[in-house]
Amino acid sequence: MKGKSLTLESAELKLVFEPEQGGKWRSLRDRRSGREWFWRNPHLGVSPIRYGDSFIAQHDTGGWDEIFPSVAPCGKVPDHGDLVQLPWQVDEQSDTRLAMSLQGRCFPFRFERTVVLDGASIRCDYRLKNTGEQPFPWLWCAHPLLPLSPDLRLEAAGSFKVGAAMGAAQALDGQGIQLNELPDHSAPWAAKLFSDCNVVDQMTVRHADGSGLKFSWDAQQIPYLGLWINHGAWSGCGSAPYFNLGIEPAMLPVDDLSEAKEPPVLAAEDALEWSLEVDVI
């Protein structure tokens, strides 16, 4: 399977994965409309990954990545974590099911993701195990990036705290807001938002034509929702700023594990499981 793209297909959807590129979920295409849901970075091509690379400068090409055990580099953890920095092993594949895994490097762990496609619905099942003899702190978040267009609406109940802001959103930095209080499209801005704990269990992004993606999860398993909204104010690869949206169900309301006040700790030999569902509307 080395170097090959892997595909899941139903009558409604086509999904493409790249095991060698950090297990990246490269494409989510609606076969009914032809819409590609994932953002692709027009300034970065795919290149071989070397452990310790700057993910944002070299490999932030778009699609869906899994982030663990930190988004920001800290201590032994490289930029955006081990899952984007290492090739994944393919454990099982059929037309509608793909199971992949990897062994960690910064900490001793095994991470597993199984994607199951059923018509226009997708389920991602995760399993994490500490394979070492010492506990370690961690965070996980999903990291799908979508194109940000003026007609896109964000539908999620609950309040959000602005953890970082740039451009026209700077006045909101550190504040609690509702999504309808974000700046309009008249000036460049970017912001990272986190929901309150255990209160948001779904997020829908919807275009003016009614098409959309609905993300659903158990808020007791995945306590937070992170949103990265980049309206032409930021680029990590030295290019002109771009427009994208990150939908990030997350275990912690921070990107830097070293800044977490009470991070989850995985004890030696312990294992956890959680799930996330996506419906293409």
C-alpha atoms as a PDB file:
ATOM      1  CA  MET A   1       0.000   0.000   0.000  1.00  0.00           C
ATOM      2  CA  LYS A   2       3.032   2.306   0.294  1.00  0.00           C
ATOM      3  CA  GLY A   3       2.659   5.547  -1.622  1.00  0.00           C
ATOM      4  CA  LYS A   4      -0.822   4.666  -2.875  1.00  0.00           C
ATOM      5  CA  SER A   5      -4.077   6.542  -2.411  1.00  0.00           C
ATOM      6  CA  LEU A   6      -6.931   4.500  -0.945  1.00  0.00           C
ATOM      7  CA  THR A   7     -10.562   5.087  -1.863  1.00  0.00           C
ATOM      8  CA  LEU A   8     -13.935   4.437  -0.235  1.00  0.00           C
ATOM      9  CA  GLU A   9     -17.013   4.810  -2.425  1.00  0.00           C
ATOM     10  CA  SER A  10     -20.789   4.728  -2.208  1.00  0.00           C
ATOM     11  CA  ALA A  11     -23.377   5.876  -4.728  1.00  0.00           C
ATOM     12  CA  GLU A  12     -23.337   9.256  -2.975  1.00  0.00           C
ATOM     13  CA  LEU A  13     -19.720   9.871  -1.933  1.00  0.00           C
ATOM     14  CA  LYS A  14     -16.095   9.237  -2.817  1.00  0.00           C
ATOM     15  CA  LEU A  15     -13.399   9.461  -0.113  1.00  0.00           C
ATOM     16  CA  VAL A  16      -9.631   9.424  -0.780  1.00  0.00           C
ATOM     17  CA  PHE A  17      -6.929   8.749   1.839  1.00  0.00           C
ATOM     18  CA  GLU A  18      -3.118   8.996   1.813  1.00  0.00           C
ATOM     19  CA  PRO A  19      -1.590   6.596   4.384  1.00  0.00           C
ATOM     20  CA  GLU A  20       1.983   7.738   3.684  1.00  0.00           C
ATOM     21  CA  GLN A  21       1.055  11.409   4.193  1.00  0.00           C
ATOM     22  CA  GLY A  22       0.248  11.117   7.881  1.00  0.00           C
ATOM     23  CA  GLY A  23      -2.936   9.171   7.171  1.00  0.00           C
ATOM     24  CA  LYS A  24      -4.427  12.263   5.540  1.00  0.00           C
ATOM     25  CA  TRP A  25      -8.027  12.114   4.359  1.00  0.00           C
ATOM     26  CA  ARG A  26      -7.372  13.943   1.113  1.00  0.00           C
ATOM     27  CA  SER A  27     -10.789  14.265  -0.513  1.00  0.00           C
ATOM     28  CA  LEU A  28     -14.483  14.165   0.328  1.00  0.00           C
ATOM     29  CA  ARG A  29     -16.472  14.487  -2.897  1.00  0.00           C
ATOM     30  CA  ASP A  30     -20.237  14.455  -3.231  1.00  0.00           C
ATOM     31  CA  ARG A  31     -20.849  12.390  -6.366  1.00  0.00           C
ATOM     32  CA  ARG A  32     -24.392  13.750  -6.656  1.00  0.00           C
ATOM     33  CA  SER A  33     -23.357  17.395  -7.036  1.00  0.00           C
ATOM     34  CA  GLY A  34     -19.644  17.115  -7.830  1.00  0.00           C
ATOM     35  CA  ARG A  35     -18.782  19.306  -4.821  1.00  0.00           C
ATOM     36  CA  GLU A  36     -15.382  18.764  -3.220  1.00  0.00           C
ATOM     37  CA  TRP A  37     -15.845  19.567   0.450  1.00  0.00           C
ATOM     38  CA  PHE A  38     -12.230  19.714   1.569  1.00  0.00           C
ATOM     39  CA  TRP A  39     -10.041  22.768   1.106  1.00  0.00           C
ATOM     40  CA  ARG A  40      -6.803  22.312  -0.809  1.00  0.00           C
ATOM     41  CA  ASN A  41      -3.887  24.673  -0.335  1.00  0.00           C
ATOM     42  CA  PRO A  42      -3.140  26.260  -3.734  1.00  0.00           C
ATOM     43  CA  HIS A  43       0.361  27.212  -2.568  1.00  0.00           C
ATOM     44  CA  LEU A  44       1.650  23.834  -1.297  1.00  0.00           C
ATOM     45  CA  GLY A  45       2.209  20.593  -3.158  1.00  0.00           C
ATOM     46  CA  VAL A  46       2.517  17.168  -1.565  1.00  0.00           C
ATOM     47  CA  SER A  47       6.072  16.364  -0.454  1.00  0.00           C
ATOM     48  CA  PRO A  48       7.663  13.541   1.583  1.00  0.00           C
ATOM     49  CA  ILE A  49       7.297  14.062   5.330  1.00  0.00           C
ATOM     50  CA  ARG A  50      10.337  14.010   7.589  1.00  0.00           C
ATOM     51  CA  TYR A  51       9.661  13.711  11.297  1.00  0.00           C
ATOM     52  CA  GLY A  52      10.071  17.126  12.879  1.00  0.00           C
ATOM     53  CA  ASP A  53       9.054  19.108   9.788  1.00  0.00           C
ATOM     54  CA  SER A  54       7.047  22.297  10.177  1.00  0.00           C
ATOM     55  CA  PHE A  55       3.574  21.048   9.307  1.00  0.00           C
ATOM     56  CA  ILE A  56       2.140  24.496   8.606  1.00  0.00           C
ATOM     57  CA  ALA A  57       5.056  25.519   6.382  1.00  0.00           C
ATOM     58  CA  GLN A  58       5.506  22.261   4.456  1.00  0.00           C
ATOM     59  CA  HIS A  59       2.519  19.904   4.749  1.00  0.00           C
ATOM     60  CA  ASP A  60      -0.617  21.946   5.471  1.00  0.00           C
ATOM     61  CA  THR A  61      -2.006  20.968   2.076  1.00  0.00           C
ATOM     62  CA  GLY A  62      -5.632  20.661   3.142  1.00  0.00           C
ATOM     63  CA  GLY A  63      -8.024  17.772   3.648  1.00  0.00           C
ATOM     64  CA  TRP A  64      -8.645  16.132   7.036  1.00  0.00           C
ATOM     65  CA  ASP A  65      -5.759  15.456   9.432  1.00  0.00           C
ATOM     66  CA  GLU A  66      -5.803  13.920  12.907  1.00  0.00           C
ATOM     67  CA  ILE A  67      -3.932  15.888  15.579  1.00  0.00           C
ATOM     68  CA  PHE A  68      -2.307  14.216  18.613  1.00  0.00           C
ATOM     69  CA  PRO A  69      -0.887  14.804  21.232  1.00  0.00           C
ATOM     70  CA  SER A  70      -0.618  18.595  20.632  1.00  0.00           C
ATOM     71  CA  VAL A  71      -1.350  21.046  17.847  1.00  0.00           C
ATOM     72  CA  ALA A  72       1.502  23.408  18.658  1.00  0.00           C
ATOM     73  CA  PRO A  73       4.971  21.852  18.991  1.00  0.00           C
ATOM     74  CA  CYS A  74       6.010  21.433  22.628  1.00  0.00           C
ATOM     75  CA  GLY A  75       8.661  19.343  24.339  1.00  0.00           C
ATOM     76  CA  LYS A  76       9.115  16.131  22.342  1.00  0.00           C
ATOM     77  CA  VAL A  77       5.962  16.751  20.303  1.00  0.00           C
ATOM     78  CA  PRO A  78       6.550  18.016  16.725  1.00  0.00           C
ATOM     79  CA  ASP A  79       4.352  20.540  14.903  1.00  0.00           C
ATOM     80  CA  HIS A  80       0.734  19.258  14.870  1.00  0.00           C
ATOM     81  CA  GLY A  81       1.836  16.008  16.515  1.00  0.00           C
ATOM     82  CA  ASP A  82       2.896  12.504  15.557  1.00  0.00           C
ATOM     83  CA  LEU A  83      -0.175  11.577  13.528  1.00  0.00           C
ATOM     84  CA  VAL A  84       0.635  14.036  10.716  1.00  0.00           C
ATOM     85  CA  GLN A  85       4.364  13.362  10.920  1.00  0.00           C
ATOM     86  CA  LEU A  86       4.419   9.580  10.422  1.00  0.00           C
ATOM     87  CA  PRO A  87       3.130   7.084   7.828  1.00  0.00           C
ATOM     88  CA  TRP A  88       0.083   5.064   8.841  1.00  0.00           C
ATOM     89  CA  GLN A  89      -0.348   1.308   8.538  1.00  0.00           C
ATOM     90  CA  VAL A  90      -3.359  -0.035   6.648  1.00  0.00           C
ATOM     91  CA  ASP A  91      -4.983  -2.744   8.783  1.00  0.00           C
ATOM     92  CA  GLU A  92      -8.211  -3.396   6.872  1.00  0.00           C
ATOM     93  CA  GLN A  93      -9.838  -2.116   3.687  1.00  0.00           C
ATOM     94  CA  SER A  94     -13.026  -2.758   1.739  1.00  0.00           C
ATOM     95  CA  ASP A  95     -15.129  -0.595  -0.573  1.00  0.00           C
ATOM     96  CA  THR A  96     -16.761   1.135   2.385  1.00  0.00           C
ATOM     97  CA  ARG A  97     -14.429   0.548   5.347  1.00  0.00           C
ATOM     98  CA  LEU A  98     -10.829   1.579   6.046  1.00  0.00           C
ATOM     99  CA  ALA A  99      -8.909   0.861   9.260  1.00  0.00           C
ATOM    100  CA  MET A 100      -5.469   2.421   9.763  1.00  0.00           C
ATOM    101  CA  SER A 101      -3.127   2.809  12.716  1.00  0.00           C
ATOM    102  CA  LEU A 102       0.310   3.952  13.786  1.00  0.00           C
ATOM    103  CA  GLN A 103       2.772   3.633  16.639  1.00  0.00           C
ATOM    104  CA  GLY A 104       3.756   6.894  18.312  1.00  0.00           C
ATOM    105  CA  ARG A 105       7.250   8.312  18.511  1.00  0.00           C
ATOM    106  CA  CYS A 106       7.088  11.265  20.912  1.00  0.00           C
ATOM    107  CA  PHE A 107       5.245   9.042  23.428  1.00  0.00           C
ATOM    108  CA  PRO A 108       4.667   5.257  23.349  1.00  0.00           C
ATOM    109  CA  PHE A 109       1.132   4.908  22.040  1.00  0.00           C
ATOM    110  CA  ARG A 110      -0.958   3.181  19.396  1.00  0.00           C
ATOM    111  CA  PHE A 111      -3.576   5.260  17.577  1.00  0.00           C
ATOM    112  CA  GLU A 112      -6.293   3.644  15.449  1.00  0.00           C
ATOM    113  CA  ARG A 113      -8.914   5.201  13.169  1.00  0.00           C
ATOM    114  CA  THR A 114     -11.609   3.232  11.333  1.00  0.00           C
ATOM    115  CA  VAL A 115     -13.680   5.078   8.730  1.00  0.00           C
ATOM    116  CA  VAL A 116     -16.987   3.501   7.672  1.00  0.00           C
ATOM    117  CA  LEU A 117     -18.958   4.881   4.721  1.00  0.00           C
ATOM    118  CA  ASP A 118     -22.727   4.289   4.545  1.00  0.00           C
ATOM    119  CA  GLY A 119     -24.429   6.138   1.703  1.00  0.00           C
ATOM    120  CA  ALA A 120     -23.987   9.856   2.468  1.00  0.00           C
ATOM    121  CA  SER A 121     -22.943   9.220   6.087  1.00  0.00           C
ATOM    122  CA  ILE A 122     -19.454   8.613   7.469  1.00  0.00           C
ATOM    123  CA  ARG A 123     -18.461   7.322  10.876  1.00  0.00           C
ATOM    124  CA  CYS A 124     -14.959   7.644  12.312  1.00  0.00           C
ATOM    125  CA  ASP A 125     -14.150   5.343  15.238  1.00  0.00           C
ATOM    126  CA  TYR A 126     -10.997   6.027  17.233  1.00  0.00           C
ATOM    127  CA  ARG A 127      -8.966   4.013  19.685  1.00  0.00           C
ATOM    128  CA  LEU A 128      -5.944   5.223  21.638  1.00  0.00           C
ATOM    129  CA  LYS A 129      -3.717   3.054  23.841  1.00  0.00           C
ATOM    130  CA  ASN A 130      -0.710   3.919  25.980  1.00  0.00           C
ATOM    131  CA  THR A 131       1.748   1.134  25.124  1.00  0.00           C
ATOM    132  CA  GLY A 132       4.399   2.347  27.567  1.00  0.00           C
ATOM    133  CA  GLU A 133       5.040   2.120  31.288  1.00  0.00           C
ATOM    134  CA  GLN A 134       4.494   5.796  32.170  1.00  0.00           C
ATOM    135  CA  PRO A 135       1.413   8.042  31.945  1.00  0.00           C
ATOM    136  CA  PHE A 136       1.463  11.034  29.605  1.00  0.00           C
ATOM    137  CA  PRO A 137      -0.760  14.088  28.990  1.00  0.00           C
ATOM    138  CA  TRP A 138      -2.402  14.544  25.625  1.00  0.00           C
ATOM    139  CA  LEU A 139      -4.938  16.283  23.471  1.00  0.00           C
ATOM    140  CA  TRP A 140      -6.632  15.194  20.252  1.00  0.00           C
ATOM    141  CA  CYS A 141      -8.661  17.070  17.712  1.00  0.00           C
ATOM    142  CA  ALA A 142      -9.989  16.353  14.267  1.00  0.00           C
ATOM    143  CA  HIS A 143      -8.658  18.817  11.705  1.00  0.00           C
ATOM    144  CA  PRO A 144     -10.783  18.894   8.538  1.00  0.00           C
ATOM    145  CA  LEU A 145     -10.304  22.075   6.488  1.00  0.00           C
ATOM    146  CA  LEU A 146     -13.110  23.389   4.285  1.00  0.00           C
ATOM    147  CA  PRO A 147     -13.108  26.230   1.742  1.00  0.00           C
ATOM    148  CA  LEU A 148     -14.423  29.432   3.338  1.00  0.00           C
ATOM    149  CA  SER A 149     -16.821  31.223   1.008  1.00  0.00           C
ATOM    150  CA  PRO A 150     -19.081  34.240   1.675  1.00  0.00           C
ATOM    151  CA  ASP A 151     -22.280  32.153   1.496  1.00  0.00           C
ATOM    152  CA  LEU A 152     -21.155  29.563   4.059  1.00  0.00           C
ATOM    153  CA  ARG A 153     -23.180  29.541   7.293  1.00  0.00           C
ATOM    154  CA  LEU A 154     -22.014  28.049  10.580  1.00  0.00           C
ATOM    155  CA  GLU A 155     -24.728  26.406  12.654  1.00  0.00           C
ATOM    156  CA  ALA A 156     -23.873  25.457  16.235  1.00  0.00           C
ATOM    157  CA  ALA A 157     -25.633  26.266  19.489  1.00  0.00           C
ATOM    158  CA  GLY A 158     -23.591  27.591  22.403  1.00  0.00           C
ATOM    159  CA  SER A 159     -21.078  30.274  23.204  1.00  0.00           C
ATOM    160  CA  PHE A 160     -17.460  30.337  22.073  1.00  0.00           C
ATOM    161  CA  LYS A 161     -14.343  31.954  23.489  1.00  0.00           C
ATOM    162  CA  VAL A 162     -11.983  33.666  21.083  1.00  0.00           C
ATOM    163  CA  GLY A 163      -8.586  32.158  21.879  1.00  0.00           C
ATOM    164  CA  ALA A 164      -6.620  34.043  19.233  1.00  0.00           C
ATOM    165  CA  ALA A 165      -7.594  36.646  16.661  1.00  0.00           C
ATOM    166  CA  MET A 166      -6.034  38.605  13.807  1.00  0.00           C
ATOM    167  CA  GLY A 167      -7.069  41.462  11.571  1.00  0.00           C
ATOM    168  CA  ALA A 168     -10.629  42.718  11.961  1.00  0.00           C
ATOM    169  CA  ALA A 169     -11.279  40.110  14.703  1.00  0.00           C
ATOM    170  CA  GLN A 170      -8.590  41.414  17.073  1.00  0.00           C
ATOM    171  CA  ALA A 171     -11.141  43.349  19.132  1.00  0.00           C
ATOM    172  CA  LEU A 172     -12.748  39.999  20.048  1.00  0.00           C
ATOM    173  CA  ASP A 173      -9.563  38.378  21.383  1.00  0.00           C
ATOM    174  CA  GLY A 174     -10.259  36.706  24.716  1.00  0.00           C
ATOM    175  CA  GLN A 175     -13.995  37.401  24.627  1.00  0.00           C
ATOM    176  CA  GLY A 176     -16.962  35.073  24.770  1.00  0.00           C
ATOM    177  CA  ILE A 177     -19.145  35.382  21.689  1.00  0.00           C
ATOM    178  CA  GLN A 178     -21.914  33.809  19.649  1.00  0.00           C
ATOM    179  CA  LEU A 179     -21.073  32.829  16.066  1.00  0.00           C
ATOM    180  CA  ASN A 180     -23.258  35.629  14.678  1.00  0.00           C
ATOM    181  CA  GLU A 181     -20.992  38.171  16.415  1.00  0.00           C
ATOM    182  CA  LEU A 182     -18.001  37.386  14.189  1.00  0.00           C
ATOM    183  CA  PRO A 183     -16.795  40.078  11.750  1.00  0.00           C
ATOM    184  CA  ASP A 184     -18.389  40.283   8.329  1.00  0.00           C
ATOM    185  CA  HIS A 185     -16.566  39.718   5.030  1.00  0.00           C
ATOM    186  CA  SER A 186     -15.577  43.340   4.424  1.00  0.00           C
ATOM    187  CA  ALA A 187     -12.016  43.009   5.788  1.00  0.00           C
ATOM    188  CA  PRO A 188      -9.429  40.242   6.368  1.00  0.00           C
ATOM    189  CA  TRP A 189      -9.624  38.496   9.723  1.00  0.00           C
ATOM    190  CA  ALA A 190      -8.859  35.178  11.382  1.00  0.00           C
ATOM    191  CA  ALA A 191      -9.784  33.665  14.730  1.00  0.00           C
ATOM    192  CA  LYS A 192      -9.532  30.449  16.717  1.00  0.00           C
ATOM    193  CA  LEU A 193     -12.606  29.744  18.833  1.00  0.00           C
ATOM    194  CA  PHE A 194     -13.391  27.112  21.459  1.00  0.00           C
ATOM    195  CA  SER A 195     -16.798  26.153  22.832  1.00  0.00           C
ATOM    196  CA  ASP A 196     -17.640  25.742  26.477  1.00  0.00           C
ATOM    197  CA  CYS A 197     -17.107  22.254  27.931  1.00  0.00           C
ATOM    198  CA  ASN A 198     -19.633  19.458  27.237  1.00  0.00           C
ATOM    199  CA  VAL A 199     -22.259  21.714  25.615  1.00  0.00           C
ATOM    200  CA  VAL A 200     -21.741  21.396  21.837  1.00  0.00           C
ATOM    201  CA  ASP A 201     -22.311  18.018  20.186  1.00  0.00           C
ATOM    202  CA  GLN A 202     -22.840  18.981  16.553  1.00  0.00           C
ATOM    203  CA  MET A 203     -21.789  21.522  13.961  1.00  0.00           C
ATOM    204  CA  THR A 204     -23.280  22.091  10.515  1.00  0.00           C
ATOM    205  CA  VAL A 205     -21.759  24.150   7.734  1.00  0.00           C
ATOM    206  CA  ARG A 206     -24.228  25.027   5.009  1.00  0.00           C
ATOM    207  CA  HIS A 207     -24.120  26.769   1.637  1.00  0.00           C
ATOM    208  CA  ALA A 208     -26.858  29.003   0.239  1.00  0.00           C
ATOM    209  CA  ASP A 209     -28.034  26.155  -2.036  1.00  0.00           C
ATOM    210  CA  GLY A 210     -28.815  24.038   1.040  1.00  0.00           C
ATOM    211  CA  SER A 211     -25.886  21.636   0.708  1.00  0.00           C
ATOM    212  CA  GLY A 212     -23.944  21.077   3.881  1.00  0.00           C
ATOM    213  CA  LEU A 213     -21.825  18.954   6.193  1.00  0.00           C
ATOM    214  CA  LYS A 214     -23.122  17.961   9.609  1.00  0.00           C
ATOM    215  CA  PHE A 215     -20.579  16.855  12.214  1.00  0.00           C
ATOM    216  CA  SER A 216     -21.956  14.996  15.267  1.00  0.00           C
ATOM    217  CA  TRP A 217     -20.363  13.518  18.393  1.00  0.00           C
ATOM    218  CA  ASP A 218     -20.961  12.708  22.050  1.00  0.00           C
ATOM    219  CA  ALA A 219     -20.000  15.806  24.061  1.00  0.00           C
ATOM    220  CA  GLN A 220     -19.127  13.590  27.035  1.00  0.00           C
ATOM    221  CA  GLN A 221     -16.534  11.811  24.872  1.00  0.00           C
ATOM    222  CA  ILE A 222     -15.354  14.917  22.991  1.00  0.00           C
ATOM    223  CA  PRO A 223     -15.923  17.899  25.316  1.00  0.00           C
ATOM    224  CA  TYR A 224     -15.066  20.855  23.059  1.00  0.00           C
ATOM    225  CA  LEU A 225     -15.519  22.230  19.567  1.00  0.00           C
ATOM    226  CA  GLY A 226     -12.689  24.263  18.123  1.00  0.00           C
ATOM    227  CA  LEU A 227     -13.202  26.470  15.065  1.00  0.00           C
ATOM    228  CA  TRP A 228     -10.390  27.935  12.996  1.00  0.00           C
ATOM    229  CA  ILE A 229     -11.799  30.629  10.703  1.00  0.00           C
ATOM    230  CA  ASN A 230      -9.312  32.220   8.314  1.00  0.00           C
ATOM    231  CA  HIS A 231     -10.884  34.947   6.206  1.00  0.00           C
ATOM    232  CA  GLY A 232      -7.825  35.939   4.201  1.00  0.00           C
ATOM    233  CA  ALA A 233      -5.691  37.003   7.179  1.00  0.00           C
ATOM    234  CA  TRP A 234      -3.151  34.186   7.682  1.00  0.00           C
ATOM    235  CA  SER A 235      -0.817  31.845   5.863  1.00  0.00           C
ATOM    236  CA  GLY A 236       1.556  29.375   7.450  1.00  0.00           C
ATOM    237  CA  CYS A 237       3.616  28.658   4.330  1.00  0.00           C
ATOM    238  CA  GLY A 238       4.791  32.167   3.427  1.00  0.00           C
ATOM    239  CA  SER A 239       2.228  32.632   0.659  1.00  0.00           C
ATOM    240  CA  ALA A 240      -0.528  35.200   0.361  1.00  0.00           C
ATOM    241  CA  PRO A 241      -3.188  34.626   3.058  1.00  0.00           C
ATOM    242  CA  TYR A 242      -5.917  32.175   2.150  1.00  0.00           C
ATOM    243  CA  PHE A 243      -9.517  31.414   3.053  1.00  0.00           C
ATOM    244  CA  ASN A 244     -10.363  28.250   4.969  1.00  0.00           C
ATOM    245  CA  LEU A 245     -12.375  26.873   7.855  1.00  0.00           C
ATOM    246  CA  GLY A 246     -11.309  24.216  10.357  1.00  0.00           C
ATOM    247  CA  ILE A 247     -14.012  22.196  12.173  1.00  0.00           C
ATOM    248  CA  GLU A 248     -12.200  20.700  15.172  1.00  0.00           C
ATOM    249  CA  PRO A 249     -14.029  18.581  17.760  1.00  0.00           C
ATOM    250  CA  ALA A 250     -11.396  18.516  20.492  1.00  0.00           C
ATOM    251  CA  MET A 251     -10.441  17.090  23.863  1.00  0.00           C
ATOM    252  CA  LEU A 252      -9.069  20.420  25.164  1.00  0.00           C
ATOM    253  CA  PRO A 253      -9.800  24.138  24.531  1.00  0.00           C
ATOM    254  CA  VAL A 254      -6.154  24.901  23.708  1.00  0.00           C
ATOM    255  CA  ASP A 255      -3.755  24.203  20.836  1.00  0.00           C
ATOM    256  CA  ASP A 256      -0.606  23.989  22.966  1.00  0.00           C
ATOM    257  CA  LEU A 257      -0.557  20.986  25.305  1.00  0.00           C
ATOM    258  CA  SER A 258       1.949  22.744  27.577  1.00  0.00           C
ATOM    259  CA  GLU A 259      -0.629  25.494  28.234  1.00  0.00           C
ATOM    260  CA  ALA A 260      -3.386  23.120  29.362  1.00  0.00           C
ATOM    261  CA  LYS A 261      -4.256  23.535  33.039  1.00  0.00           C
ATOM    262  CA  GLU A 262      -5.648  20.037  33.565  1.00  0.00           C
ATOM    263  CA  PRO A 263      -4.953  17.951  30.455  1.00  0.00           C
ATOM    264  CA  PRO A 264      -6.238  14.389  30.257  1.00  0.00           C
ATOM    265  CA  VAL A 265      -3.577  11.872  31.259  1.00  0.00           C
ATOM    266  CA  LEU A 266      -3.431   8.390  29.744  1.00  0.00           C
ATOM    267  CA  ALA A 267      -2.152   5.870  32.268  1.00  0.00           C
ATOM    268  CA  ALA A 268       0.214   3.060  31.324  1.00  0.00           C
ATOM    269  CA  GLU A 269      -1.553   0.364  29.281  1.00  0.00           C
ATOM    270  CA  ASP A 270      -4.863   2.252  29.377  1.00  0.00           C
ATOM    271  CA  ALA A 271      -7.017   2.587  26.250  1.00  0.00           C
ATOM    272  CA  LEU A 272      -9.810   4.978  25.222  1.00  0.00           C
ATOM    273  CA  GLU A 273     -12.360   4.964  22.411  1.00  0.00           C
ATOM    274  CA  TRP A 274     -14.527   7.694  20.858  1.00  0.00           C
ATOM    275  CA  SER A 275     -16.449   8.352  17.655  1.00  0.00           C
ATOM    276  CA  LEU A 276     -17.336  11.165  15.256  1.00  0.00           C
ATOM    277  CA  GLU A 277     -19.959  11.171  12.500  1.00  0.00           C
ATOM    278  CA  VAL A 278     -20.256  13.251   9.322  1.00  0.00           C
ATOM    279  CA  ASP A 279     -23.380  13.521   7.175  1.00  0.00           C
ATOM    280  CA  VAL A 280     -23.228  15.093   3.704  1.00  0.00           C
ATOM    281  CA  ILE A 281     -26.476  16.977   3.212  1.00  0.00           C
END
